[in-house]
């Protein structure tokens, strides 16, 4: 079981779960008592009422740990496409937690230069040993997934205005790096191997699912129904995800 994000839930998170799902004081107490168990909390996290509460005003999610918020967000996004394997959700949520701070993007950049290009990361693979290559490959895959999942407009606009690589370029890099990392994973992080394989095989579906929920709920660009957003969705999402984007 890949249980790294779910293992980091806080007491406040558990109380949020019990208060959201328990109708009475006795029920809330009972839920709180069992929410600390890995298998039990996983089942509780499937309840759609939890994510619904994070979308309320004032924003309840601000009191939650990023681990819980992103787990709920990613689970609902992937469940919408019927691909919400819990270990996969756990891994992707962990990627979101890691990159919620911009500094995480620059950890492999040169001192004083806050720019990292995919080609530079690929070149780095030839400068490190096999063990380090494994984690660099995962990092490249994670960056590719996060950028394409949460910032598709950035990629599309740079492609149109500057001739920068299109979405499919980052998708290809993400898939290939996850695929190689999955092959090497049994030697370094065996629990991650099945997840990395799924990420390699279903990268576009996962990225598209995150796009749909980002546009619907996070409103990072604050123009959810603009013509530009709809055009970008039509051009970059798979057909099922595009239909879902119009429904949310």
C-alpha atoms as a PDB file:
ATOM      1  CA  UNK A   1       0.000   0.000   0.000  1.00  0.00           C
ATOM      2  CA  UNK A   2       1.269   3.463  -0.902  1.00  0.00           C
ATOM      3  CA  UNK A   3       0.055   5.261   2.194  1.00  0.00           C
ATOM      4  CA  UNK A   4       2.317   8.291   2.572  1.00  0.00           C
ATOM      5  CA  UNK A   5      -0.121  11.193   2.220  1.00  0.00           C
ATOM      6  CA  UNK A   6      -2.904   9.571   4.257  1.00  0.00           C
ATOM      7  CA  UNK A   7      -0.396   8.854   7.028  1.00  0.00           C
ATOM      8  CA  UNK A   8       0.152  12.592   7.561  1.00  0.00           C
ATOM      9  CA  UNK A   9      -3.390  13.658   8.433  1.00  0.00           C
ATOM     10  CA  UNK A  10      -3.575  15.897  11.487  1.00  0.00           C
ATOM     11  CA  UNK A  11      -5.889  15.839  14.490  1.00  0.00           C
ATOM     12  CA  UNK A  12      -7.725  18.807  12.988  1.00  0.00           C
ATOM     13  CA  UNK A  13      -8.210  16.756   9.812  1.00  0.00           C
ATOM     14  CA  UNK A  14      -9.663  13.847  11.755  1.00  0.00           C
ATOM     15  CA  UNK A  15     -12.009  16.157  13.647  1.00  0.00           C
ATOM     16  CA  UNK A  16     -13.136  17.661  10.329  1.00  0.00           C
ATOM     17  CA  UNK A  17     -13.937  14.164   9.084  1.00  0.00           C
ATOM     18  CA  UNK A  18     -15.906  13.250  12.208  1.00  0.00           C
ATOM     19  CA  UNK A  19     -17.844  16.540  12.239  1.00  0.00           C
ATOM     20  CA  UNK A  20     -18.665  16.267   8.529  1.00  0.00           C
ATOM     21  CA  UNK A  21     -19.861  12.671   8.633  1.00  0.00           C
ATOM     22  CA  UNK A  22     -21.298  12.290  12.125  1.00  0.00           C
ATOM     23  CA  UNK A  23     -24.930  13.291  12.599  1.00  0.00           C
ATOM     24  CA  UNK A  24     -24.869  13.082  16.392  1.00  0.00           C
ATOM     25  CA  UNK A  25     -22.256  13.626  19.089  1.00  0.00           C
ATOM     26  CA  UNK A  26     -22.033   9.877  19.605  1.00  0.00           C
ATOM     27  CA  UNK A  27     -21.495   9.260  15.891  1.00  0.00           C
ATOM     28  CA  UNK A  28     -18.822  11.957  15.699  1.00  0.00           C
ATOM     29  CA  UNK A  29     -17.008  10.440  18.659  1.00  0.00           C
ATOM     30  CA  UNK A  30     -17.157   6.953  17.139  1.00  0.00           C
ATOM     31  CA  UNK A  31     -15.823   8.206  13.794  1.00  0.00           C
ATOM     32  CA  UNK A  32     -13.017  10.083  15.500  1.00  0.00           C
ATOM     33  CA  UNK A  33     -11.981   6.930  17.341  1.00  0.00           C
ATOM     34  CA  UNK A  34     -11.668   4.858  14.180  1.00  0.00           C
ATOM     35  CA  UNK A  35     -10.383   7.570  11.812  1.00  0.00           C
ATOM     36  CA  UNK A  36      -6.797   7.026  12.892  1.00  0.00           C
ATOM     37  CA  UNK A  37      -6.688   3.530  11.366  1.00  0.00           C
ATOM     38  CA  UNK A  38      -5.260   3.495   7.815  1.00  0.00           C
ATOM     39  CA  UNK A  39      -7.910   1.257   6.252  1.00  0.00           C
ATOM     40  CA  UNK A  40     -10.784   2.969   8.040  1.00  0.00           C
ATOM     41  CA  UNK A  41      -9.754   6.512   7.220  1.00  0.00           C
ATOM     42  CA  UNK A  42      -9.377   5.544   3.572  1.00  0.00           C
ATOM     43  CA  UNK A  43     -12.984   4.401   3.434  1.00  0.00           C
ATOM     44  CA  UNK A  44     -14.129   7.576   5.170  1.00  0.00           C
ATOM     45  CA  UNK A  45     -12.256   9.745   2.662  1.00  0.00           C
ATOM     46  CA  UNK A  46     -14.414   8.335  -0.135  1.00  0.00           C
ATOM     47  CA  UNK A  47     -17.499  10.108   1.206  1.00  0.00           C
ATOM     48  CA  UNK A  48     -18.370  12.990  -1.173  1.00  0.00           C
ATOM     49  CA  UNK A  49     -19.614  15.115   1.734  1.00  0.00           C
ATOM     50  CA  UNK A  50     -16.012  15.773   2.758  1.00  0.00           C
ATOM     51  CA  UNK A  51     -15.016  17.395  -0.518  1.00  0.00           C
ATOM     52  CA  UNK A  52     -18.313  19.261  -0.667  1.00  0.00           C
ATOM     53  CA  UNK A  53     -17.552  20.867   2.692  1.00  0.00           C
ATOM     54  CA  UNK A  54     -14.169  22.107   1.411  1.00  0.00           C
ATOM     55  CA  UNK A  55     -15.978  24.136  -1.253  1.00  0.00           C
ATOM     56  CA  UNK A  56     -18.099  26.117   1.209  1.00  0.00           C
ATOM     57  CA  UNK A  57     -17.803  29.808   1.987  1.00  0.00           C
ATOM     58  CA  UNK A  58     -15.999  30.825   4.123  1.00  0.00           C
ATOM     59  CA  UNK A  59     -13.347  28.365   2.857  1.00  0.00           C
ATOM     60  CA  UNK A  60     -13.220  25.473   5.296  1.00  0.00           C
ATOM     61  CA  UNK A  61     -10.225  23.971   3.517  1.00  0.00           C
ATOM     62  CA  UNK A  62      -7.942  26.689   4.917  1.00  0.00           C
ATOM     63  CA  UNK A  63      -8.101  24.989   8.312  1.00  0.00           C
ATOM     64  CA  UNK A  64      -7.159  21.589   6.886  1.00  0.00           C
ATOM     65  CA  UNK A  65      -3.739  20.164   6.168  1.00  0.00           C
ATOM     66  CA  UNK A  66      -2.748  20.239   2.487  1.00  0.00           C
ATOM     67  CA  UNK A  67      -2.488  16.434   2.697  1.00  0.00           C
ATOM     68  CA  UNK A  68      -6.197  16.046   3.421  1.00  0.00           C
ATOM     69  CA  UNK A  69      -7.359  18.775   1.064  1.00  0.00           C
ATOM     70  CA  UNK A  70      -5.420  17.486  -1.935  1.00  0.00           C
ATOM     71  CA  UNK A  71      -6.359  13.889  -1.213  1.00  0.00           C
ATOM     72  CA  UNK A  72     -10.036  14.825  -1.277  1.00  0.00           C
ATOM     73  CA  UNK A  73      -9.573  16.999  -4.370  1.00  0.00           C
ATOM     74  CA  UNK A  74      -7.645  14.383  -6.350  1.00  0.00           C
ATOM     75  CA  UNK A  75      -9.936  11.556  -5.262  1.00  0.00           C
ATOM     76  CA  UNK A  76     -13.062  13.362  -6.487  1.00  0.00           C
ATOM     77  CA  UNK A  77     -11.345  14.340  -9.738  1.00  0.00           C
ATOM     78  CA  UNK A  78     -10.221  10.788 -10.511  1.00  0.00           C
ATOM     79  CA  UNK A  79     -13.444   9.223  -9.218  1.00  0.00           C
ATOM     80  CA  UNK A  80     -15.308  11.338 -11.751  1.00  0.00           C
ATOM     81  CA  UNK A  81     -13.476   9.277 -14.398  1.00  0.00           C
ATOM     82  CA  UNK A  82     -13.651   6.009 -12.432  1.00  0.00           C
ATOM     83  CA  UNK A  83      -9.880   5.748 -11.954  1.00  0.00           C
ATOM     84  CA  UNK A  84      -9.640   6.675  -8.258  1.00  0.00           C
ATOM     85  CA  UNK A  85      -7.355   3.928  -6.980  1.00  0.00           C
ATOM     86  CA  UNK A  86      -6.453   4.970  -3.421  1.00  0.00           C
ATOM     87  CA  UNK A  87      -2.706   4.445  -3.791  1.00  0.00           C
ATOM     88  CA  UNK A  88      -2.727   6.440  -7.034  1.00  0.00           C
ATOM     89  CA  UNK A  89      -4.704   9.235  -5.340  1.00  0.00           C
ATOM     90  CA  UNK A  90      -2.285   9.172  -2.402  1.00  0.00           C
ATOM     91  CA  UNK A  91       0.724   9.603  -4.697  1.00  0.00           C
ATOM     92  CA  UNK A  92      -0.802  12.365  -6.824  1.00  0.00           C
ATOM     93  CA  UNK A  93      -1.986  14.205  -3.704  1.00  0.00           C
ATOM     94  CA  UNK A  94       1.582  14.003  -2.402  1.00  0.00           C
ATOM     95  CA  UNK A  95       2.828  15.601  -5.618  1.00  0.00           C
ATOM     96  CA  UNK A  96       0.324  18.434  -5.110  1.00  0.00           C
ATOM     97  CA  UNK A  97       1.492  18.936  -1.521  1.00  0.00           C
ATOM     98  CA  UNK A  98       5.141  19.032  -2.604  1.00  0.00           C
ATOM     99  CA  UNK A  99       4.606  21.563  -5.378  1.00  0.00           C
ATOM    100  CA  UNK A 100       2.130  23.828  -3.592  1.00  0.00           C
ATOM    101  CA  UNK A 101       5.221  25.941  -2.879  1.00  0.00           C
ATOM    102  CA  UNK A 102       7.029  27.314  -5.936  1.00  0.00           C
ATOM    103  CA  UNK A 103      10.368  26.611  -4.262  1.00  0.00           C
ATOM    104  CA  UNK A 104       9.901  22.905  -4.910  1.00  0.00           C
ATOM    105  CA  UNK A 105      10.188  23.583  -8.640  1.00  0.00           C
ATOM    106  CA  UNK A 106      13.572  25.212  -8.265  1.00  0.00           C
ATOM    107  CA  UNK A 107      15.313  22.573  -6.136  1.00  0.00           C
ATOM    108  CA  UNK A 108      17.256  21.333  -9.178  1.00  0.00           C
ATOM    109  CA  UNK A 109      17.967  24.755 -10.677  1.00  0.00           C
ATOM    110  CA  UNK A 110      21.330  26.508 -10.686  1.00  0.00           C
ATOM    111  CA  UNK A 111      22.055  28.957  -7.839  1.00  0.00           C
ATOM    112  CA  UNK A 112      20.617  32.360  -8.699  1.00  0.00           C
ATOM    113  CA  UNK A 113      18.766  31.014 -11.752  1.00  0.00           C
ATOM    114  CA  UNK A 114      15.097  30.245 -11.100  1.00  0.00           C
ATOM    115  CA  UNK A 115      14.586  28.493 -14.425  1.00  0.00           C
ATOM    116  CA  UNK A 116      14.505  24.759 -15.025  1.00  0.00           C
ATOM    117  CA  UNK A 117      13.829  23.397 -18.495  1.00  0.00           C
ATOM    118  CA  UNK A 118      12.757  19.826 -19.176  1.00  0.00           C
ATOM    119  CA  UNK A 119      15.779  19.299 -21.401  1.00  0.00           C
ATOM    120  CA  UNK A 120      18.081  20.332 -18.533  1.00  0.00           C
ATOM    121  CA  UNK A 121      16.474  17.769 -16.242  1.00  0.00           C
ATOM    122  CA  UNK A 122      16.806  15.108 -18.929  1.00  0.00           C
ATOM    123  CA  UNK A 123      20.483  15.960 -19.348  1.00  0.00           C
ATOM    124  CA  UNK A 124      20.952  15.660 -15.605  1.00  0.00           C
ATOM    125  CA  UNK A 125      20.113  11.957 -15.834  1.00  0.00           C
ATOM    126  CA  UNK A 126      23.496  11.321 -17.459  1.00  0.00           C
ATOM    127  CA  UNK A 127      25.350  12.951 -14.592  1.00  0.00           C
ATOM    128  CA  UNK A 128      24.049  10.902 -11.667  1.00  0.00           C
ATOM    129  CA  UNK A 129      24.168   7.267 -10.606  1.00  0.00           C
ATOM    130  CA  UNK A 130      21.368   4.722 -11.068  1.00  0.00           C
ATOM    131  CA  UNK A 131      19.845   5.366  -7.643  1.00  0.00           C
ATOM    132  CA  UNK A 132      19.748   9.128  -8.169  1.00  0.00           C
ATOM    133  CA  UNK A 133      18.395   8.655 -11.691  1.00  0.00           C
ATOM    134  CA  UNK A 134      15.374   6.910 -10.249  1.00  0.00           C
ATOM    135  CA  UNK A 135      14.425   9.892  -8.105  1.00  0.00           C
ATOM    136  CA  UNK A 136      15.229  12.414 -10.848  1.00  0.00           C
ATOM    137  CA  UNK A 137      12.911  10.487 -13.188  1.00  0.00           C
ATOM    138  CA  UNK A 138      10.143  10.599 -10.609  1.00  0.00           C
ATOM    139  CA  UNK A 139      10.759  14.321 -10.114  1.00  0.00           C
ATOM    140  CA  UNK A 140      10.510  14.958 -13.872  1.00  0.00           C
ATOM    141  CA  UNK A 141       7.309  12.917 -14.036  1.00  0.00           C
ATOM    142  CA  UNK A 142       5.884  14.767 -11.045  1.00  0.00           C
ATOM    143  CA  UNK A 143       6.697  18.186 -12.480  1.00  0.00           C
ATOM    144  CA  UNK A 144       5.152  17.199 -15.812  1.00  0.00           C
ATOM    145  CA  UNK A 145       1.985  15.981 -14.097  1.00  0.00           C
ATOM    146  CA  UNK A 146       1.629  19.029 -11.877  1.00  0.00           C
ATOM    147  CA  UNK A 147       2.203  21.551 -14.660  1.00  0.00           C
ATOM    148  CA  UNK A 148      -0.115  19.869 -17.138  1.00  0.00           C
ATOM    149  CA  UNK A 149      -2.704  19.158 -14.450  1.00  0.00           C
ATOM    150  CA  UNK A 150      -2.908  22.549 -12.753  1.00  0.00           C
ATOM    151  CA  UNK A 151      -1.456  25.014 -15.265  1.00  0.00           C
ATOM    152  CA  UNK A 152      -2.567  23.934 -18.745  1.00  0.00           C
ATOM    153  CA  UNK A 153      -3.204  27.559 -19.737  1.00  0.00           C
ATOM    154  CA  UNK A 154       0.429  28.437 -19.040  1.00  0.00           C
ATOM    155  CA  UNK A 155       1.580  25.648 -21.366  1.00  0.00           C
ATOM    156  CA  UNK A 156      -0.948  26.397 -24.102  1.00  0.00           C
ATOM    157  CA  UNK A 157      -0.309  30.156 -24.098  1.00  0.00           C
ATOM    158  CA  UNK A 158       3.475  29.758 -24.176  1.00  0.00           C
ATOM    159  CA  UNK A 159       3.096  27.355 -27.080  1.00  0.00           C
ATOM    160  CA  UNK A 160       0.902  29.793 -29.024  1.00  0.00           C
ATOM    161  CA  UNK A 161       2.848  32.962 -28.270  1.00  0.00           C
ATOM    162  CA  UNK A 162       6.454  31.742 -28.079  1.00  0.00           C
ATOM    163  CA  UNK A 163       6.477  28.401 -29.854  1.00  0.00           C
ATOM    164  CA  UNK A 164       7.294  26.621 -26.576  1.00  0.00           C
ATOM    165  CA  UNK A 165       6.602  22.858 -26.385  1.00  0.00           C
ATOM    166  CA  UNK A 166       2.897  21.905 -26.536  1.00  0.00           C
ATOM    167  CA  UNK A 167       0.930  19.852 -24.036  1.00  0.00           C
ATOM    168  CA  UNK A 168       1.714  16.541 -25.743  1.00  0.00           C
ATOM    169  CA  UNK A 169       5.447  17.195 -25.253  1.00  0.00           C
ATOM    170  CA  UNK A 170       5.074  17.315 -21.467  1.00  0.00           C
ATOM    171  CA  UNK A 171       2.698  14.357 -21.544  1.00  0.00           C
ATOM    172  CA  UNK A 172       5.266  12.286 -23.440  1.00  0.00           C
ATOM    173  CA  UNK A 173       8.016  13.226 -20.995  1.00  0.00           C
ATOM    174  CA  UNK A 174       5.839  12.455 -17.987  1.00  0.00           C
ATOM    175  CA  UNK A 175       4.774   9.075 -19.352  1.00  0.00           C
ATOM    176  CA  UNK A 176       8.279   7.991 -20.333  1.00  0.00           C
ATOM    177  CA  UNK A 177       9.895   9.022 -17.041  1.00  0.00           C
ATOM    178  CA  UNK A 178       7.207   7.348 -14.958  1.00  0.00           C
ATOM    179  CA  UNK A 179       7.512   4.212 -17.089  1.00  0.00           C
ATOM    180  CA  UNK A 180      11.273   3.934 -16.583  1.00  0.00           C
ATOM    181  CA  UNK A 181      10.960   4.786 -12.887  1.00  0.00           C
ATOM    182  CA  UNK A 182       8.329   2.052 -12.493  1.00  0.00           C
ATOM    183  CA  UNK A 183      10.763  -0.484 -13.930  1.00  0.00           C
ATOM    184  CA  UNK A 184      13.479   0.591 -11.492  1.00  0.00           C
ATOM    185  CA  UNK A 185      11.152   1.130  -8.523  1.00  0.00           C
ATOM    186  CA  UNK A 186      11.348  -2.399  -6.993  1.00  0.00           C
ATOM    187  CA  UNK A 187      14.979  -1.700  -6.074  1.00  0.00           C
ATOM    188  CA  UNK A 188      14.303   1.645  -4.373  1.00  0.00           C
ATOM    189  CA  UNK A 189      10.626   2.062  -3.459  1.00  0.00           C
ATOM    190  CA  UNK A 190       8.663  -1.099  -4.198  1.00  0.00           C
ATOM    191  CA  UNK A 191       5.349   0.311  -2.961  1.00  0.00           C
ATOM    192  CA  UNK A 192       5.483   3.013  -5.618  1.00  0.00           C
ATOM    193  CA  UNK A 193       5.983   0.648  -8.569  1.00  0.00           C
ATOM    194  CA  UNK A 194       2.274  -0.078  -9.305  1.00  0.00           C
ATOM    195  CA  UNK A 195       1.401   3.607  -8.954  1.00  0.00           C
ATOM    196  CA  UNK A 196       4.164   4.712 -11.306  1.00  0.00           C
ATOM    197  CA  UNK A 197       3.025   2.125 -13.833  1.00  0.00           C
ATOM    198  CA  UNK A 198      -0.519   3.490 -13.732  1.00  0.00           C
ATOM    199  CA  UNK A 199       0.762   7.059 -14.078  1.00  0.00           C
ATOM    200  CA  UNK A 200       2.733   6.033 -17.163  1.00  0.00           C
ATOM    201  CA  UNK A 201      -0.187   4.197 -18.736  1.00  0.00           C
ATOM    202  CA  UNK A 202      -2.943   6.715 -17.925  1.00  0.00           C
ATOM    203  CA  UNK A 203      -1.077   9.998 -17.713  1.00  0.00           C
ATOM    204  CA  UNK A 204      -3.397  11.878 -20.083  1.00  0.00           C
ATOM    205  CA  UNK A 205      -6.551  10.661 -18.332  1.00  0.00           C
ATOM    206  CA  UNK A 206      -5.188  11.637 -14.920  1.00  0.00           C
ATOM    207  CA  UNK A 207      -3.957  15.009 -16.132  1.00  0.00           C
ATOM    208  CA  UNK A 208      -7.284  15.674 -17.828  1.00  0.00           C
ATOM    209  CA  UNK A 209      -9.245  14.783 -14.690  1.00  0.00           C
ATOM    210  CA  UNK A 210      -7.200  17.240 -12.655  1.00  0.00           C
ATOM    211  CA  UNK A 211      -7.701  19.912 -15.348  1.00  0.00           C
ATOM    212  CA  UNK A 212     -11.464  19.538 -15.126  1.00  0.00           C
ATOM    213  CA  UNK A 213     -11.573  19.896 -11.346  1.00  0.00           C
ATOM    214  CA  UNK A 214      -9.032  22.719 -11.312  1.00  0.00           C
ATOM    215  CA  UNK A 215     -11.151  24.687 -13.768  1.00  0.00           C
ATOM    216  CA  UNK A 216     -14.354  23.904 -11.871  1.00  0.00           C
ATOM    217  CA  UNK A 217     -13.261  24.406  -8.270  1.00  0.00           C
ATOM    218  CA  UNK A 218      -9.910  26.130  -7.889  1.00  0.00           C
ATOM    219  CA  UNK A 219     -10.450  28.870 -10.500  1.00  0.00           C
ATOM    220  CA  UNK A 220      -6.735  29.634 -10.610  1.00  0.00           C
ATOM    221  CA  UNK A 221      -7.347  31.863 -13.621  1.00  0.00           C
ATOM    222  CA  UNK A 222     -10.720  33.180 -12.341  1.00  0.00           C
ATOM    223  CA  UNK A 223     -12.370  32.780 -15.741  1.00  0.00           C
ATOM    224  CA  UNK A 224     -13.996  29.380 -15.557  1.00  0.00           C
ATOM    225  CA  UNK A 225     -16.363  29.812 -18.492  1.00  0.00           C
ATOM    226  CA  UNK A 226     -14.351  32.112 -20.752  1.00  0.00           C
ATOM    227  CA  UNK A 227     -14.089  31.277 -24.446  1.00  0.00           C
ATOM    228  CA  UNK A 228     -10.319  30.867 -24.040  1.00  0.00           C
ATOM    229  CA  UNK A 229     -10.748  28.249 -21.314  1.00  0.00           C
ATOM    230  CA  UNK A 230     -13.371  26.315 -23.255  1.00  0.00           C
ATOM    231  CA  UNK A 231     -11.166  26.362 -26.367  1.00  0.00           C
ATOM    232  CA  UNK A 232      -8.201  25.114 -24.366  1.00  0.00           C
ATOM    233  CA  UNK A 233     -10.307  22.360 -22.815  1.00  0.00           C
ATOM    234  CA  UNK A 234     -11.580  21.258 -26.214  1.00  0.00           C
ATOM    235  CA  UNK A 235      -8.045  21.159 -27.601  1.00  0.00           C
ATOM    236  CA  UNK A 236      -6.279  19.411 -24.721  1.00  0.00           C
ATOM    237  CA  UNK A 237      -8.778  17.222 -22.829  1.00  0.00           C
ATOM    238  CA  UNK A 238      -9.849  13.745 -23.836  1.00  0.00           C
ATOM    239  CA  UNK A 239     -13.442  13.613 -25.091  1.00  0.00           C
ATOM    240  CA  UNK A 240     -14.947  12.277 -21.849  1.00  0.00           C
ATOM    241  CA  UNK A 241     -13.173  14.905 -19.736  1.00  0.00           C
ATOM    242  CA  UNK A 242     -14.310  17.714 -22.027  1.00  0.00           C
ATOM    243  CA  UNK A 243     -17.942  16.649 -21.648  1.00  0.00           C
ATOM    244  CA  UNK A 244     -17.508  16.526 -17.875  1.00  0.00           C
ATOM    245  CA  UNK A 245     -15.934  19.986 -17.858  1.00  0.00           C
ATOM    246  CA  UNK A 246     -19.105  21.428 -19.349  1.00  0.00           C
ATOM    247  CA  UNK A 247     -21.248  19.750 -16.694  1.00  0.00           C
ATOM    248  CA  UNK A 248     -19.392  20.912 -13.575  1.00  0.00           C
END
